[in-house]
Amino acid sequence: MSFIDGYIRFFLGIPGQMAFDLAKDYQYAIYAFGFVYGIFVTMGAYNYRTILPRCSERFIAERLQHIKRPEGGISYEETEQIIADWKQMINSLPKYMCIMGKRDYWVVWPDGDEYAEKLRIDHGYIKKIHDRLQQQS
């Protein structure tokens, strides 16, 4: 036993020694678990920050293209319909399209209400995209 092992064992006590020995004996299983966990967390963060906002914006812009009004505004009922369609689209996503949960410790699977809350898809967001489309055309 090295000096550092003895020092750690002295300060950890008996339960800490048992946990330390377990971690030393199964270090490769712990590494593998950490690696898999890291892959899930990275995939969830990438989906949350990159893929879903782009996909959502494209979906909402496509829905807004179908609404042609002469005065150029959009009603509350139309935004409600777009949000309902968007939530339905999110619920039909495959299971690998996951994002980070509320506390960012684990990933959650596709759920329109949860994504809408996390990505802040609401009437203001849809109006912002609508105004941007109006400026482009």
Protein backbone atom coordinates (compact mmCIF):
# COMPACT_ATOMS: atom_id res chain seq x y z
CA MET A 1 0.00 0.00 0.00
CA SER A 2 1.38 3.38 -0.96
CA PHE A 3 1.49 6.41 1.25
CA ILE A 4 -1.40 8.07 -0.63
CA ASP A 5 -3.60 4.96 -0.33
CA GLY A 6 -2.94 4.82 3.41
CA TYR A 7 -3.64 8.54 3.77
CA ILE A 8 -6.95 8.25 1.86
CA ARG A 9 -8.00 5.20 3.86
CA PHE A 10 -7.24 6.97 7.12
CA PHE A 11 -9.47 9.92 6.30
CA LEU A 12 -12.29 7.99 4.62
CA GLY A 13 -13.02 5.63 7.48
CA ILE A 14 -14.35 2.08 7.10
CA PRO A 15 -17.29 2.86 4.71
CA GLY A 16 -14.99 5.04 2.61
CA GLN A 17 -12.38 2.28 2.50
CA MET A 18 -14.97 -0.17 1.23
CA ALA A 19 -16.12 2.29 -1.46
CA PHE A 20 -12.50 3.02 -2.39
CA ASP A 21 -11.72 -0.69 -2.77
CA LEU A 22 -14.87 -1.23 -4.83
CA ALA A 23 -13.95 1.65 -7.11
CA LYS A 24 -10.40 0.30 -7.49
CA ASP A 25 -11.63 -3.22 -8.28
CA TYR A 26 -14.27 -2.16 -10.82
CA GLN A 27 -12.61 0.89 -12.31
CA TYR A 28 -13.07 -0.23 -15.93
CA ALA A 29 -16.81 -0.83 -15.45
CA ILE A 30 -17.06 2.63 -13.89
CA TYR A 31 -15.16 4.12 -16.84
CA ALA A 32 -17.48 2.37 -19.32
CA PHE A 33 -20.57 3.61 -17.47
CA GLY A 34 -19.17 7.15 -17.43
CA PHE A 35 -18.41 6.97 -21.14
CA VAL A 36 -21.93 5.83 -22.05
CA TYR A 37 -23.44 8.45 -19.75
CA GLY A 38 -21.27 11.11 -21.38
CA ILE A 39 -22.46 10.07 -24.84
CA PHE A 40 -26.12 10.40 -23.78
CA VAL A 41 -25.54 13.78 -22.14
CA THR A 42 -23.59 15.10 -25.15
CA MET A 43 -26.26 13.89 -27.57
CA GLY A 44 -29.00 15.54 -25.51
CA ALA A 45 -27.12 18.82 -25.29
CA TYR A 46 -26.41 18.82 -29.04
CA ASN A 47 -30.06 18.14 -29.88
CA TYR A 48 -31.20 20.85 -27.47
CA ARG A 49 -28.82 23.56 -28.66
CA THR A 50 -28.52 22.85 -32.38
CA ILE A 51 -30.93 20.47 -34.06
CA LEU A 52 -34.26 21.17 -32.35
CA PRO A 53 -34.19 24.99 -32.57
CA ARG A 54 -33.32 24.80 -36.26
CA CYS A 55 -35.98 22.15 -36.93
CA SER A 56 -38.58 24.06 -34.91
CA GLU A 57 -37.89 27.35 -36.64
CA ARG A 58 -38.11 25.69 -40.05
CA PHE A 59 -41.41 23.99 -39.13
CA ILE A 60 -42.98 27.20 -37.79
CA ALA A 61 -41.78 29.24 -40.78
CA GLU A 62 -43.30 26.65 -43.11
CA ARG A 63 -46.64 26.85 -41.26
CA LEU A 64 -46.53 30.64 -41.38
CA GLN A 65 -45.94 30.56 -45.16
CA HIS A 66 -49.32 28.85 -45.55
CA ILE A 67 -51.07 31.68 -43.69
CA LYS A 68 -51.42 34.54 -46.13
CA ARG A 69 -53.24 37.56 -44.77
CA PRO A 70 -53.56 40.84 -46.62
CA GLU A 71 -52.79 43.03 -43.58
CA GLY A 72 -49.74 40.94 -42.69
CA GLY A 73 -50.71 40.14 -39.07
CA ILE A 74 -51.30 36.83 -37.37
CA SER A 75 -54.12 36.10 -34.95
CA TYR A 76 -53.95 34.44 -31.55
CA GLU A 77 -55.97 31.45 -32.79
CA GLU A 78 -53.53 30.90 -35.65
CA THR A 79 -50.57 30.91 -33.28
CA GLU A 80 -52.43 28.45 -31.02
CA GLN A 81 -52.93 26.16 -34.02
CA ILE A 82 -49.26 26.41 -35.01
CA ILE A 83 -48.16 25.59 -31.44
CA ALA A 84 -50.53 22.59 -31.36
CA ASP A 85 -49.15 21.35 -34.73
CA TRP A 86 -45.60 21.86 -33.49
CA LYS A 87 -46.27 19.85 -30.31
CA GLN A 88 -47.77 17.07 -32.41
CA MET A 89 -44.67 17.09 -34.64
CA ILE A 90 -42.41 16.88 -31.56
CA ASN A 91 -44.42 13.96 -30.13
CA SER A 92 -43.89 12.06 -33.39
CA LEU A 93 -40.08 12.47 -33.31
CA PRO A 94 -37.97 9.32 -32.95
CA LYS A 95 -36.69 8.39 -29.50
CA TYR A 96 -33.06 9.29 -30.25
CA MET A 97 -34.06 12.97 -30.45
CA CYS A 98 -33.68 13.59 -26.73
CA ILE A 99 -32.75 16.74 -24.81
CA MET A 100 -31.43 17.43 -21.35
CA GLY A 101 -33.92 17.22 -18.49
CA LYS A 102 -34.83 19.99 -16.08
CA ARG A 103 -31.69 19.60 -13.98
CA ASP A 104 -29.42 18.55 -16.88
CA TYR A 105 -28.40 15.26 -15.22
CA TRP A 106 -30.15 12.99 -17.69
CA VAL A 107 -31.94 13.12 -21.02
CA VAL A 108 -35.70 13.13 -21.56
CA TRP A 109 -37.54 11.66 -24.53
CA PRO A 110 -39.73 13.60 -27.01
CA ASP A 111 -42.65 15.37 -25.36
CA GLY A 112 -44.21 18.42 -26.98
CA ASP A 113 -45.19 20.18 -23.75
CA GLU A 114 -41.77 19.72 -22.18
CA TYR A 115 -39.94 20.86 -25.32
CA ALA A 116 -42.23 23.90 -25.65
CA GLU A 117 -41.39 24.89 -22.08
CA LYS A 118 -37.67 24.24 -22.44
CA LEU A 119 -37.29 25.91 -25.87
CA ARG A 120 -39.79 28.69 -25.01
CA ILE A 121 -42.07 28.09 -27.98
CA ASP A 122 -44.94 30.48 -27.37
CA HIS A 123 -46.90 33.24 -29.09
CA GLY A 124 -44.04 35.74 -28.82
CA TYR A 125 -41.63 33.33 -30.49
CA ILE A 126 -44.04 32.69 -33.36
CA LYS A 127 -44.69 36.42 -33.81
CA LYS A 128 -40.92 37.02 -33.90
CA ILE A 129 -40.49 34.45 -36.67
CA HIS A 130 -43.52 35.92 -38.48
CA ASP A 131 -42.03 39.43 -38.33
CA ARG A 132 -38.69 38.15 -39.60
CA LEU A 133 -40.44 36.46 -42.54
CA GLN A 134 -42.35 39.68 -43.27
CA GLN A 135 -39.07 41.64 -43.41
CA GLN A 136 -37.49 39.11 -45.76
CA SER A 137 -40.34 39.28 -48.27
